[in-house]
């Protein structure tokens, strides 16, 4: 799997994540990532007006719960393909 590094623009602190899975829903790209502590996060891709790509954590409960189901299904399919 790929690793991705994010930099906090205010502190320049770097955060490294393992990309576990990615998908697109209704034209929006989402990443499921984990950190060194094996905590998982779902990040939403945001494009600015000048086409800069940013990611923010999904905080809306309805959106998050729907995405958990999507990622669970994708990860289950990936696991069944390994056999």
C-alpha atoms as a PDB file:
ATOM      1  CA  UNK A   1       0.000   0.000   0.000  1.00  0.00           C
ATOM      2  CA  UNK A   2       0.995   3.590  -0.530  1.00  0.00           C
ATOM      3  CA  UNK A   3       2.078   6.000   2.144  1.00  0.00           C
ATOM      4  CA  UNK A   4       0.998   9.619   2.135  1.00  0.00           C
ATOM      5  CA  UNK A   5       2.446  12.526   4.100  1.00  0.00           C
ATOM      6  CA  UNK A   6       0.429  15.555   5.107  1.00  0.00           C
ATOM      7  CA  UNK A   7       1.952  18.790   6.339  1.00  0.00           C
ATOM      8  CA  UNK A   8       0.103  21.067   8.739  1.00  0.00           C
ATOM      9  CA  UNK A   9       0.384  24.487   7.041  1.00  0.00           C
ATOM     10  CA  UNK A  10       0.398  26.305  10.374  1.00  0.00           C
ATOM     11  CA  UNK A  11       3.072  24.258  12.167  1.00  0.00           C
ATOM     12  CA  UNK A  12       4.841  22.476   9.270  1.00  0.00           C
ATOM     13  CA  UNK A  13       4.426  19.269  11.286  1.00  0.00           C
ATOM     14  CA  UNK A  14       4.361  16.158   9.095  1.00  0.00           C
ATOM     15  CA  UNK A  15       1.871  13.329   9.522  1.00  0.00           C
ATOM     16  CA  UNK A  16       2.442  10.043   7.699  1.00  0.00           C
ATOM     17  CA  UNK A  17      -0.407   7.674   6.901  1.00  0.00           C
ATOM     18  CA  UNK A  18      -0.751   4.309   5.213  1.00  0.00           C
ATOM     19  CA  UNK A  19      -3.414   4.378   2.483  1.00  0.00           C
ATOM     20  CA  UNK A  20      -5.525   1.285   3.115  1.00  0.00           C
ATOM     21  CA  UNK A  21      -8.128   1.881   0.405  1.00  0.00           C
ATOM     22  CA  UNK A  22      -9.515   4.609  -1.809  1.00  0.00           C
ATOM     23  CA  UNK A  23     -12.790   5.087  -3.622  1.00  0.00           C
ATOM     24  CA  UNK A  24     -14.905   7.675  -5.376  1.00  0.00           C
ATOM     25  CA  UNK A  25     -18.517   8.335  -4.397  1.00  0.00           C
ATOM     26  CA  UNK A  26     -20.683  10.821  -6.290  1.00  0.00           C
ATOM     27  CA  UNK A  27     -17.623  12.388  -7.897  1.00  0.00           C
ATOM     28  CA  UNK A  28     -15.730  12.849  -4.616  1.00  0.00           C
ATOM     29  CA  UNK A  29     -12.552  10.912  -3.821  1.00  0.00           C
ATOM     30  CA  UNK A  30     -12.164   9.389  -0.351  1.00  0.00           C
ATOM     31  CA  UNK A  31      -9.173   7.723   1.308  1.00  0.00           C
ATOM     32  CA  UNK A  32      -9.188   5.301   4.206  1.00  0.00           C
ATOM     33  CA  UNK A  33      -5.864   5.752   5.974  1.00  0.00           C
ATOM     34  CA  UNK A  34      -4.201   4.485   9.133  1.00  0.00           C
ATOM     35  CA  UNK A  35      -1.448   5.932  11.260  1.00  0.00           C
ATOM     36  CA  UNK A  36       1.419   4.311  13.160  1.00  0.00           C
ATOM     37  CA  UNK A  37      -0.969   3.552  16.050  1.00  0.00           C
ATOM     38  CA  UNK A  38      -3.294   1.677  13.657  1.00  0.00           C
ATOM     39  CA  UNK A  39      -6.002   4.303  14.099  1.00  0.00           C
ATOM     40  CA  UNK A  40      -8.100   4.584  10.953  1.00  0.00           C
ATOM     41  CA  UNK A  41      -9.451   7.754   9.373  1.00  0.00           C
ATOM     42  CA  UNK A  42     -11.590   8.536   6.343  1.00  0.00           C
ATOM     43  CA  UNK A  43     -10.391  11.573   4.442  1.00  0.00           C
ATOM     44  CA  UNK A  44     -12.296  13.522   1.804  1.00  0.00           C
ATOM     45  CA  UNK A  45     -10.519  15.145  -1.136  1.00  0.00           C
ATOM     46  CA  UNK A  46     -11.248  18.841  -1.529  1.00  0.00           C
ATOM     47  CA  UNK A  47     -10.104  20.833  -4.567  1.00  0.00           C
ATOM     48  CA  UNK A  48      -9.633  24.558  -4.203  1.00  0.00           C
ATOM     49  CA  UNK A  49     -10.460  27.082  -6.897  1.00  0.00           C
ATOM     50  CA  UNK A  50      -6.827  27.031  -8.040  1.00  0.00           C
ATOM     51  CA  UNK A  51      -6.939  23.186  -8.261  1.00  0.00           C
ATOM     52  CA  UNK A  52      -4.893  22.607  -5.105  1.00  0.00           C
ATOM     53  CA  UNK A  53      -5.782  19.227  -3.575  1.00  0.00           C
ATOM     54  CA  UNK A  54      -6.518  19.138   0.144  1.00  0.00           C
ATOM     55  CA  UNK A  55      -7.813  16.359   2.388  1.00  0.00           C
ATOM     56  CA  UNK A  56     -10.009  16.758   5.427  1.00  0.00           C
ATOM     57  CA  UNK A  57     -11.353  14.207   7.863  1.00  0.00           C
ATOM     58  CA  UNK A  58     -14.995  13.280   7.293  1.00  0.00           C
ATOM     59  CA  UNK A  59     -16.877  14.592  10.319  1.00  0.00           C
ATOM     60  CA  UNK A  60     -20.506  14.395   9.173  1.00  0.00           C
ATOM     61  CA  UNK A  61     -22.004  11.314  10.878  1.00  0.00           C
ATOM     62  CA  UNK A  62     -24.308  10.345   8.008  1.00  0.00           C
ATOM     63  CA  UNK A  63     -21.538  10.671   5.403  1.00  0.00           C
ATOM     64  CA  UNK A  64     -19.056   8.853   7.660  1.00  0.00           C
ATOM     65  CA  UNK A  65     -21.394   5.918   8.376  1.00  0.00           C
ATOM     66  CA  UNK A  66     -22.175   5.487   4.680  1.00  0.00           C
ATOM     67  CA  UNK A  67     -18.461   5.514   3.839  1.00  0.00           C
ATOM     68  CA  UNK A  68     -17.645   2.976   6.545  1.00  0.00           C
ATOM     69  CA  UNK A  69     -20.019   0.562   4.786  1.00  0.00           C
ATOM     70  CA  UNK A  70     -18.457   1.287   1.384  1.00  0.00           C
ATOM     71  CA  UNK A  71     -14.910   0.761   2.651  1.00  0.00           C
ATOM     72  CA  UNK A  72     -15.883  -2.386   4.581  1.00  0.00           C
ATOM     73  CA  UNK A  73     -17.311  -3.840   1.387  1.00  0.00           C
ATOM     74  CA  UNK A  74     -14.217  -2.870  -0.632  1.00  0.00           C
ATOM     75  CA  UNK A  75     -11.864  -4.352   1.936  1.00  0.00           C
ATOM     76  CA  UNK A  76     -13.969  -7.528   2.129  1.00  0.00           C
ATOM     77  CA  UNK A  77     -13.827  -7.893  -1.670  1.00  0.00           C
ATOM     78  CA  UNK A  78     -10.058  -7.357  -1.614  1.00  0.00           C
ATOM     79  CA  UNK A  79      -9.627 -10.027   1.064  1.00  0.00           C
ATOM     80  CA  UNK A  80     -11.734 -12.559  -0.854  1.00  0.00           C
ATOM     81  CA  UNK A  81      -9.628 -11.942  -3.977  1.00  0.00           C
ATOM     82  CA  UNK A  82      -6.490 -12.960  -2.066  1.00  0.00           C
ATOM     83  CA  UNK A  83      -7.674 -16.582  -1.818  1.00  0.00           C
END
